[in-house]
Protein backbone atom coordinates (compact mmCIF):
# COMPACT_ATOMS: atom_id res chain seq x y z
CA UNK A 1 34.94 6.04 -12.25
CA UNK A 2 34.09 4.47 -15.59
CA UNK A 3 30.62 3.85 -16.94
CA UNK A 4 30.99 0.10 -16.32
CA UNK A 5 31.87 0.75 -12.67
CA UNK A 6 28.83 2.98 -12.30
CA UNK A 7 26.54 0.34 -13.81
CA UNK A 8 27.97 -2.87 -12.37
CA UNK A 9 30.01 -1.79 -9.34
CA UNK A 10 33.46 -2.96 -8.40
CA UNK A 11 34.78 -6.23 -9.83
CA UNK A 12 37.30 -6.66 -6.97
CA UNK A 13 40.25 -7.42 -9.24
CA UNK A 14 42.98 -5.82 -7.07
CA UNK A 15 43.27 -7.32 -3.57
CA UNK A 16 45.63 -6.66 -0.68
CA UNK A 17 47.95 -9.26 0.81
CA UNK A 18 46.08 -11.40 3.40
CA UNK A 19 45.89 -9.77 6.84
CA UNK A 20 45.61 -11.95 9.97
CA UNK A 21 44.19 -10.38 13.11
CA UNK A 22 45.72 -10.88 16.56
CA UNK A 23 43.95 -12.41 19.54
CA UNK A 24 41.93 -9.85 21.47
CA UNK A 25 41.93 -7.47 18.51
CA UNK A 26 38.55 -6.25 17.27
CA UNK A 27 37.62 -8.15 14.10
CA UNK A 28 35.51 -7.15 11.14
CA UNK A 29 32.78 -9.46 9.83
CA UNK A 30 35.15 -10.83 7.18
CA UNK A 31 37.95 -11.47 9.68
CA UNK A 32 35.64 -13.12 12.20
CA UNK A 33 34.93 -15.99 9.78
CA UNK A 34 38.51 -17.17 9.23
CA UNK A 35 40.72 -14.82 11.24
CA UNK A 36 42.29 -13.63 8.00
CA UNK A 37 40.93 -11.25 5.38
CA UNK A 38 41.85 -9.36 2.20
CA UNK A 39 40.70 -5.92 1.11
CA UNK A 40 39.73 -4.75 -2.38
CA UNK A 41 42.16 -1.94 -3.18
CA UNK A 42 39.59 -0.20 -5.38
CA UNK A 43 36.47 -0.09 -3.19
CA UNK A 44 37.68 -1.12 0.29
CA UNK A 45 35.38 -4.12 0.76
CA UNK A 46 36.77 -6.87 3.02
CA UNK A 47 36.58 -10.59 2.18
CA UNK A 48 37.40 -13.61 4.36
CA UNK A 49 40.54 -15.45 3.23
CA UNK A 50 41.55 -19.05 3.87
CA UNK A 51 45.26 -19.84 4.21
CA UNK A 52 44.48 -23.56 3.78
CA UNK A 53 42.80 -23.00 0.41
CA UNK A 54 44.94 -19.92 -0.45
CA UNK A 55 41.93 -17.99 -1.75
CA UNK A 56 38.99 -15.81 -0.82
CA UNK A 57 36.12 -17.84 0.65
CA UNK A 58 32.50 -17.05 1.38
CA UNK A 59 30.55 -17.94 4.52
CA UNK A 60 28.79 -20.96 3.01
CA UNK A 61 32.07 -22.50 1.83
CA UNK A 62 33.68 -22.02 5.23
CA UNK A 63 30.70 -23.50 7.05
CA UNK A 64 30.56 -26.54 4.77
CA UNK A 65 34.31 -27.19 5.11
CA UNK A 66 34.00 -26.92 8.89
CA UNK A 67 31.18 -29.45 8.86
CA UNK A 68 33.24 -31.82 6.68
CA UNK A 69 36.17 -31.61 9.10
CA UNK A 70 33.87 -32.33 12.06
CA UNK A 71 32.36 -35.30 10.23
CA UNK A 72 35.78 -36.80 9.48
CA UNK A 73 36.83 -36.36 13.14
CA UNK A 74 33.67 -38.16 14.30
CA UNK A 75 34.20 -41.01 11.83
CA UNK A 76 37.76 -41.65 13.02
């Protein structure tokens, strides 16, 4: 561990390939948001991943995109 890691924590630069959980399989908090998640290879923290956006997303982004999709369905 370097001094920067001790002071600022992990920067999550190295991520795993996206992992999609199966139906009926127990899901972590990150996987429960999108069904797919990635893991930091340095610290082990899990992050929700969106295949549509091809990137890591946070809960507020996922909720706002879900609301946008509902609004467009209602307008049609």
